[in-house]
Amino acid sequence: MYSMPITTLTVKRILKDAGAERVSDDAAEELADMVNRMAFSTAKKAVKLAAHAKRKTVKKIDIELAK
């Protein structure tokens, strides 16, 4: 599967920057999991696009097309 590069602490900071006064651990864990799943899915699609273009390097255009 994937590791969890975006931590709950990072997500709590994002939510507070967005205006939340308080953030529960459950909410931070759920959002972190959602963001990580979306990032992993996009990354997998981008890798496939780069491979289709016969490249080993994932480029910005691959990420944009994978969204």
N, C-alpha and C. Protein backbone atom coordinates (compact mmCIF):
# COMPACT_ATOMS: atom_id res chain seq x y z
N MET A 1 0.85 -1.18 0.00
CA MET A 1 0.00 0.00 0.00
C MET A 1 0.90 1.24 0.00
N TYR A 2 0.76 2.10 0.96
CA TYR A 2 1.54 3.32 1.00
C TYR A 2 1.81 3.72 2.45
N SER A 3 2.88 4.48 2.61
CA SER A 3 3.15 5.02 3.94
C SER A 3 2.27 6.25 4.12
N MET A 4 2.34 6.87 5.28
CA MET A 4 1.49 8.02 5.53
C MET A 4 2.37 9.27 5.65
N PRO A 5 2.78 9.83 4.49
CA PRO A 5 3.70 10.96 4.54
C PRO A 5 3.07 12.25 5.09
N ILE A 6 1.77 12.41 4.94
CA ILE A 6 1.11 13.60 5.48
C ILE A 6 0.53 13.21 6.84
N THR A 7 1.10 13.77 7.88
CA THR A 7 0.75 13.37 9.24
C THR A 7 -0.49 14.08 9.76
N THR A 8 -1.03 13.57 10.85
CA THR A 8 -2.19 14.20 11.46
C THR A 8 -1.83 15.57 12.02
N LEU A 9 -0.59 15.74 12.46
CA LEU A 9 -0.15 17.04 12.96
C LEU A 9 -0.18 18.09 11.84
N THR A 10 0.28 17.70 10.67
CA THR A 10 0.25 18.59 9.51
C THR A 10 -1.19 18.96 9.15
N VAL A 11 -2.06 17.97 9.18
CA VAL A 11 -3.46 18.20 8.86
C VAL A 11 -4.10 19.12 9.90
N LYS A 12 -3.76 18.95 11.16
CA LYS A 12 -4.30 19.84 12.20
C LYS A 12 -3.88 21.28 11.93
N ARG A 13 -2.62 21.47 11.53
CA ARG A 13 -2.14 22.81 11.20
C ARG A 13 -2.91 23.40 10.03
N ILE A 14 -3.16 22.58 9.01
CA ILE A 14 -3.92 23.03 7.84
C ILE A 14 -5.33 23.44 8.25
N LEU A 15 -5.98 22.61 9.05
CA LEU A 15 -7.33 22.93 9.50
C LEU A 15 -7.37 24.20 10.34
N LYS A 16 -6.38 24.39 11.17
CA LYS A 16 -6.33 25.61 11.99
C LYS A 16 -6.07 26.83 11.12
N ASP A 17 -5.21 26.68 10.12
CA ASP A 17 -4.97 27.78 9.17
C ASP A 17 -6.24 28.11 8.39
N ALA A 18 -7.11 27.10 8.20
CA ALA A 18 -8.37 27.29 7.49
C ALA A 18 -9.44 27.90 8.39
N GLY A 19 -9.12 28.08 9.67
CA GLY A 19 -10.05 28.75 10.56
C GLY A 19 -10.61 27.93 11.70
N ALA A 20 -10.26 26.66 11.80
CA ALA A 20 -10.77 25.83 12.89
C ALA A 20 -10.12 26.26 14.21
N GLU A 21 -10.94 26.41 15.24
CA GLU A 21 -10.39 26.73 16.56
C GLU A 21 -9.80 25.49 17.21
N ARG A 22 -10.54 24.39 17.08
CA ARG A 22 -10.09 23.12 17.66
C ARG A 22 -10.32 22.02 16.64
N VAL A 23 -9.45 21.00 16.69
CA VAL A 23 -9.55 19.88 15.76
C VAL A 23 -9.41 18.59 16.55
N SER A 24 -10.40 17.71 16.39
CA SER A 24 -10.32 16.42 17.09
C SER A 24 -9.31 15.51 16.40
N ASP A 25 -8.76 14.59 17.16
CA ASP A 25 -7.82 13.62 16.60
C ASP A 25 -8.46 12.80 15.50
N ASP A 26 -9.74 12.41 15.71
CA ASP A 26 -10.45 11.61 14.70
C ASP A 26 -10.58 12.37 13.38
N ALA A 27 -10.91 13.66 13.46
CA ALA A 27 -11.05 14.47 12.25
C ALA A 27 -9.71 14.59 11.53
N ALA A 28 -8.65 14.82 12.27
CA ALA A 28 -7.32 14.95 11.67
C ALA A 28 -6.88 13.64 11.03
N GLU A 29 -7.14 12.53 11.69
CA GLU A 29 -6.78 11.22 11.13
C GLU A 29 -7.56 10.94 9.86
N GLU A 30 -8.85 11.26 9.85
CA GLU A 30 -9.68 11.01 8.67
C GLU A 30 -9.23 11.85 7.49
N LEU A 31 -8.97 13.13 7.73
CA LEU A 31 -8.52 14.00 6.63
C LEU A 31 -7.14 13.59 6.15
N ALA A 32 -6.24 13.24 7.05
CA ALA A 32 -4.90 12.79 6.65
C ALA A 32 -4.99 11.54 5.79
N ASP A 33 -5.86 10.61 6.19
CA ASP A 33 -6.03 9.38 5.40
C ASP A 33 -6.58 9.70 4.02
N MET A 34 -7.56 10.61 3.96
CA MET A 34 -8.16 10.99 2.68
C MET A 34 -7.12 11.63 1.76
N VAL A 35 -6.35 12.56 2.30
CA VAL A 35 -5.34 13.25 1.50
C VAL A 35 -4.27 12.27 1.02
N ASN A 36 -3.85 11.38 1.90
CA ASN A 36 -2.84 10.39 1.51
C ASN A 36 -3.35 9.44 0.44
N ARG A 37 -4.62 9.02 0.57
CA ARG A 37 -5.20 8.13 -0.46
C ARG A 37 -5.26 8.84 -1.81
N MET A 38 -5.69 10.11 -1.79
CA MET A 38 -5.79 10.87 -3.04
C MET A 38 -4.41 11.08 -3.66
N ALA A 39 -3.42 11.40 -2.84
CA ALA A 39 -2.06 11.61 -3.34
C ALA A 39 -1.48 10.32 -3.92
N PHE A 40 -1.71 9.20 -3.24
CA PHE A 40 -1.20 7.91 -3.71
C PHE A 40 -1.85 7.52 -5.04
N SER A 41 -3.16 7.73 -5.14
CA SER A 41 -3.89 7.41 -6.37
C SER A 41 -3.38 8.27 -7.53
N THR A 42 -3.20 9.54 -7.29
CA THR A 42 -2.69 10.44 -8.33
C THR A 42 -1.27 10.04 -8.73
N ALA A 43 -0.46 9.68 -7.75
CA ALA A 43 0.91 9.27 -8.04
C ALA A 43 0.94 8.01 -8.91
N LYS A 44 0.09 7.04 -8.58
CA LYS A 44 0.05 5.81 -9.39
C LYS A 44 -0.34 6.11 -10.83
N LYS A 45 -1.34 6.97 -11.03
CA LYS A 45 -1.76 7.34 -12.38
C LYS A 45 -0.64 8.06 -13.11
N ALA A 46 0.06 8.95 -12.41
CA ALA A 46 1.17 9.70 -13.01
C ALA A 46 2.31 8.77 -13.44
N VAL A 47 2.60 7.78 -12.64
CA VAL A 47 3.64 6.80 -12.99
C VAL A 47 3.24 6.04 -14.25
N LYS A 48 1.97 5.65 -14.35
CA LYS A 48 1.49 4.96 -15.55
C LYS A 48 1.60 5.85 -16.78
N LEU A 49 1.27 7.14 -16.63
CA LEU A 49 1.37 8.07 -17.75
C LEU A 49 2.82 8.24 -18.20
N ALA A 50 3.73 8.33 -17.26
CA ALA A 50 5.15 8.46 -17.60
C ALA A 50 5.64 7.19 -18.31
N ALA A 51 5.23 6.05 -17.82
CA ALA A 51 5.62 4.78 -18.45
C ALA A 51 5.06 4.68 -19.87
N HIS A 52 3.83 5.12 -20.04
CA HIS A 52 3.20 5.11 -21.37
C HIS A 52 3.99 5.99 -22.35
N ALA A 53 4.56 7.08 -21.83
CA ALA A 53 5.37 7.98 -22.66
C ALA A 53 6.82 7.49 -22.75
N LYS A 54 7.05 6.28 -22.28
CA LYS A 54 8.38 5.65 -22.29
C LYS A 54 9.42 6.47 -21.53
N ARG A 55 8.98 6.98 -20.37
CA ARG A 55 9.87 7.73 -19.50
C ARG A 55 9.90 7.08 -18.13
N LYS A 56 11.05 7.19 -17.46
CA LYS A 56 11.16 6.74 -16.07
C LYS A 56 10.87 7.89 -15.12
N THR A 57 11.03 9.11 -15.62
CA THR A 57 10.84 10.30 -14.79
C THR A 57 9.40 10.78 -14.86
N VAL A 58 8.80 10.94 -13.70
CA VAL A 58 7.45 11.51 -13.63
C VAL A 58 7.61 13.03 -13.70
N LYS A 59 6.90 13.63 -14.63
CA LYS A 59 7.00 15.08 -14.82
C LYS A 59 5.72 15.76 -14.37
N LYS A 60 5.81 17.07 -14.30
CA LYS A 60 4.68 17.89 -13.88
C LYS A 60 3.44 17.59 -14.72
N ILE A 61 3.61 17.45 -16.01
CA ILE A 61 2.47 17.18 -16.91
C ILE A 61 1.78 15.87 -16.55
N ASP A 62 2.54 14.89 -16.10
CA ASP A 62 1.95 13.60 -15.68
C ASP A 62 1.04 13.80 -14.48
N ILE A 63 1.49 14.61 -13.54
CA ILE A 63 0.67 14.90 -12.35
C ILE A 63 -0.59 15.65 -12.76
N GLU A 64 -0.43 16.65 -13.63
CA GLU A 64 -1.58 17.43 -14.07
C GLU A 64 -2.61 16.56 -14.78
N LEU A 65 -2.14 15.66 -15.63
CA LEU A 65 -3.06 14.77 -16.35
C LEU A 65 -3.67 13.71 -15.45
N ALA A 66 -3.00 13.37 -14.40
CA ALA A 66 -3.48 12.31 -13.50
C ALA A 66 -4.56 12.80 -12.54
N LYS A 67 -4.72 14.10 -12.39
CA LYS A 67 -5.69 14.64 -11.42
C LYS A 67 -7.07 14.10 -11.64
